[in-house]
Amino acid sequence: MGSDSLSSLAGIIYLIIGLIVASGHAYFTNLKQVMPVLSAILAVLAWPLVLLGLDLHFK
């Protein structure tokens, strides 16, 4: 397994964890408007901050 495939695997795992964390903190509810979609994307990408208690919900 090369370093490229290892970094790709790490990126996929990071995104999967982000999806799980964002889902657990209700970032995927009410995605009919732009701001909740942006909140969900940000929560998936910055999931460690969500775990630390930072609220990334845009209003």
N, C-alpha and C. Protein backbone atom coordinates (compact mmCIF):
# COMPACT_ATOMS: atom_id res chain seq x y z
N MET A 1 0.86 -1.17 0.00
CA MET A 1 0.00 0.00 0.00
C MET A 1 0.90 1.24 0.00
N GLY A 2 0.78 2.08 -1.01
CA GLY A 2 1.62 3.27 -1.13
C GLY A 2 1.11 4.42 -0.29
N SER A 3 1.89 5.46 -0.22
CA SER A 3 1.51 6.61 0.59
C SER A 3 0.30 7.34 0.02
N ASP A 4 0.14 7.31 -1.31
CA ASP A 4 -1.03 7.95 -1.93
C ASP A 4 -2.32 7.25 -1.54
N SER A 5 -2.31 5.93 -1.58
CA SER A 5 -3.52 5.19 -1.22
C SER A 5 -3.78 5.28 0.28
N LEU A 6 -2.72 5.37 1.08
CA LEU A 6 -2.89 5.51 2.52
C LEU A 6 -3.49 6.87 2.87
N SER A 7 -3.06 7.93 2.21
CA SER A 7 -3.61 9.25 2.47
C SER A 7 -5.05 9.35 1.94
N SER A 8 -5.35 8.66 0.85
CA SER A 8 -6.72 8.63 0.35
C SER A 8 -7.64 7.91 1.33
N LEU A 9 -7.15 6.82 1.88
CA LEU A 9 -7.93 6.08 2.88
C LEU A 9 -8.16 6.93 4.13
N ALA A 10 -7.13 7.65 4.55
CA ALA A 10 -7.27 8.52 5.72
C ALA A 10 -8.29 9.62 5.45
N GLY A 11 -8.31 10.16 4.24
CA GLY A 11 -9.28 11.19 3.88
C GLY A 11 -10.70 10.67 3.88
N ILE A 12 -10.87 9.46 3.38
CA ILE A 12 -12.21 8.85 3.36
C ILE A 12 -12.68 8.58 4.78
N ILE A 13 -11.80 8.07 5.63
CA ILE A 13 -12.16 7.82 7.02
C ILE A 13 -12.52 9.12 7.73
N TYR A 14 -11.76 10.18 7.47
CA TYR A 14 -12.03 11.49 8.06
C TYR A 14 -13.43 11.97 7.67
N LEU A 15 -13.78 11.84 6.40
CA LEU A 15 -15.10 12.27 5.93
C LEU A 15 -16.22 11.41 6.51
N ILE A 16 -15.99 10.11 6.64
CA ILE A 16 -17.00 9.23 7.22
C ILE A 16 -17.25 9.59 8.68
N ILE A 17 -16.18 9.83 9.42
CA ILE A 17 -16.34 10.26 10.81
C ILE A 17 -17.07 11.59 10.87
N GLY A 18 -16.74 12.50 9.95
CA GLY A 18 -17.42 13.80 9.90
C GLY A 18 -18.91 13.65 9.64
N LEU A 19 -19.28 12.75 8.74
CA LEU A 19 -20.70 12.50 8.46
C LEU A 19 -21.41 11.96 9.69
N ILE A 20 -20.76 11.06 10.40
CA ILE A 20 -21.37 10.48 11.60
C ILE A 20 -21.54 11.53 12.68
N VAL A 21 -20.50 12.34 12.91
CA VAL A 21 -20.57 13.38 13.94
C VAL A 21 -21.62 14.43 13.59
N ALA A 22 -21.62 14.88 12.35
CA ALA A 22 -22.59 15.90 11.93
C ALA A 22 -24.02 15.35 12.03
N SER A 23 -24.19 14.10 11.68
CA SER A 23 -25.51 13.48 11.79
C SER A 23 -25.96 13.40 13.25
N GLY A 24 -25.06 13.06 14.12
CA GLY A 24 -25.37 12.97 15.54
C GLY A 24 -25.68 14.30 16.20
N HIS A 25 -25.26 15.39 15.58
CA HIS A 25 -25.51 16.73 16.12
C HIS A 25 -26.55 17.49 15.30
N ALA A 26 -27.37 16.79 14.57
CA ALA A 26 -28.54 17.33 13.85
C ALA A 26 -28.19 18.35 12.77
N TYR A 27 -27.09 18.15 12.08
CA TYR A 27 -26.74 19.06 10.99
C TYR A 27 -27.41 18.68 9.67
N PHE A 28 -28.06 17.52 9.61
CA PHE A 28 -28.70 17.10 8.37
C PHE A 28 -30.22 17.26 8.40
N THR A 29 -30.73 18.00 9.36
CA THR A 29 -32.16 18.27 9.40
C THR A 29 -32.44 19.59 8.69
N ASN A 30 -33.55 19.67 8.00
CA ASN A 30 -33.97 20.90 7.33
C ASN A 30 -32.95 21.39 6.30
N LEU A 31 -32.59 20.55 5.36
CA LEU A 31 -31.62 20.92 4.33
C LEU A 31 -32.29 21.49 3.08
N LYS A 32 -33.39 22.18 3.27
CA LYS A 32 -34.12 22.74 2.13
C LYS A 32 -33.68 24.17 1.80
N GLN A 33 -32.80 24.73 2.61
CA GLN A 33 -32.31 26.08 2.37
C GLN A 33 -30.78 26.04 2.29
N VAL A 34 -30.20 27.12 1.84
CA VAL A 34 -28.75 27.16 1.61
C VAL A 34 -27.96 27.15 2.91
N MET A 35 -28.36 27.93 3.89
CA MET A 35 -27.57 28.05 5.12
C MET A 35 -27.45 26.73 5.88
N PRO A 36 -28.52 25.95 6.04
CA PRO A 36 -28.34 24.65 6.69
C PRO A 36 -27.44 23.70 5.91
N VAL A 37 -27.46 23.79 4.59
CA VAL A 37 -26.57 22.94 3.78
C VAL A 37 -25.11 23.36 4.02
N LEU A 38 -24.85 24.66 4.07
CA LEU A 38 -23.50 25.14 4.35
C LEU A 38 -23.05 24.72 5.75
N SER A 39 -23.97 24.78 6.71
CA SER A 39 -23.66 24.33 8.07
C SER A 39 -23.29 22.86 8.09
N ALA A 40 -24.03 22.05 7.36
CA ALA A 40 -23.76 20.62 7.32
C ALA A 40 -22.40 20.33 6.68
N ILE A 41 -22.10 21.01 5.59
CA ILE A 41 -20.80 20.81 4.93
C ILE A 41 -19.66 21.22 5.86
N LEU A 42 -19.81 22.35 6.51
CA LEU A 42 -18.78 22.81 7.44
C LEU A 42 -18.63 21.86 8.62
N ALA A 43 -19.74 21.34 9.12
CA ALA A 43 -19.69 20.40 10.25
C ALA A 43 -18.98 19.09 9.86
N VAL A 44 -19.21 18.63 8.63
CA VAL A 44 -18.54 17.41 8.17
C VAL A 44 -17.04 17.65 8.06
N LEU A 45 -16.65 18.79 7.55
CA LEU A 45 -15.22 19.08 7.36
C LEU A 45 -14.51 19.45 8.66
N ALA A 46 -15.22 20.07 9.58
CA ALA A 46 -14.61 20.54 10.84
C ALA A 46 -15.18 19.77 12.02
N TRP A 47 -15.40 18.47 11.86
CA TRP A 47 -16.04 17.68 12.91
C TRP A 47 -15.30 17.68 14.25
N PRO A 48 -13.97 17.83 14.31
CA PRO A 48 -13.35 17.89 15.64
C PRO A 48 -13.85 19.10 16.45
N LEU A 49 -14.13 20.21 15.76
CA LEU A 49 -14.66 21.38 16.46
C LEU A 49 -16.07 21.13 16.97
N VAL A 50 -16.85 20.38 16.22
CA VAL A 50 -18.20 20.02 16.65
C VAL A 50 -18.12 19.16 17.91
N LEU A 51 -17.19 18.23 17.93
CA LEU A 51 -17.02 17.39 19.12
C LEU A 51 -16.58 18.19 20.34
N LEU A 52 -15.86 19.28 20.10
CA LEU A 52 -15.44 20.14 21.20
C LEU A 52 -16.54 21.07 21.68
N GLY A 53 -17.69 21.05 21.00
CA GLY A 53 -18.84 21.83 21.44
C GLY A 53 -19.10 23.09 20.66
N LEU A 54 -18.35 23.35 19.61
CA LEU A 54 -18.59 24.55 18.79
C LEU A 54 -19.84 24.35 17.95
N ASP A 55 -20.73 25.31 17.98
CA ASP A 55 -21.97 25.25 17.22
C ASP A 55 -21.72 25.88 15.86
N LEU A 56 -21.83 25.09 14.81
CA LEU A 56 -21.58 25.57 13.46
C LEU A 56 -22.86 25.77 12.65
N HIS A 57 -24.00 25.81 13.34
CA HIS A 57 -25.27 26.03 12.65
C HIS A 57 -25.36 27.50 12.21
N PHE A 58 -25.50 27.73 10.92
CA PHE A 58 -25.74 29.08 10.41
C PHE A 58 -27.24 29.34 10.43
N LYS A 59 -27.59 30.51 10.78
CA LYS A 59 -29.02 30.87 10.83
C LYS A 59 -29.38 31.76 9.67
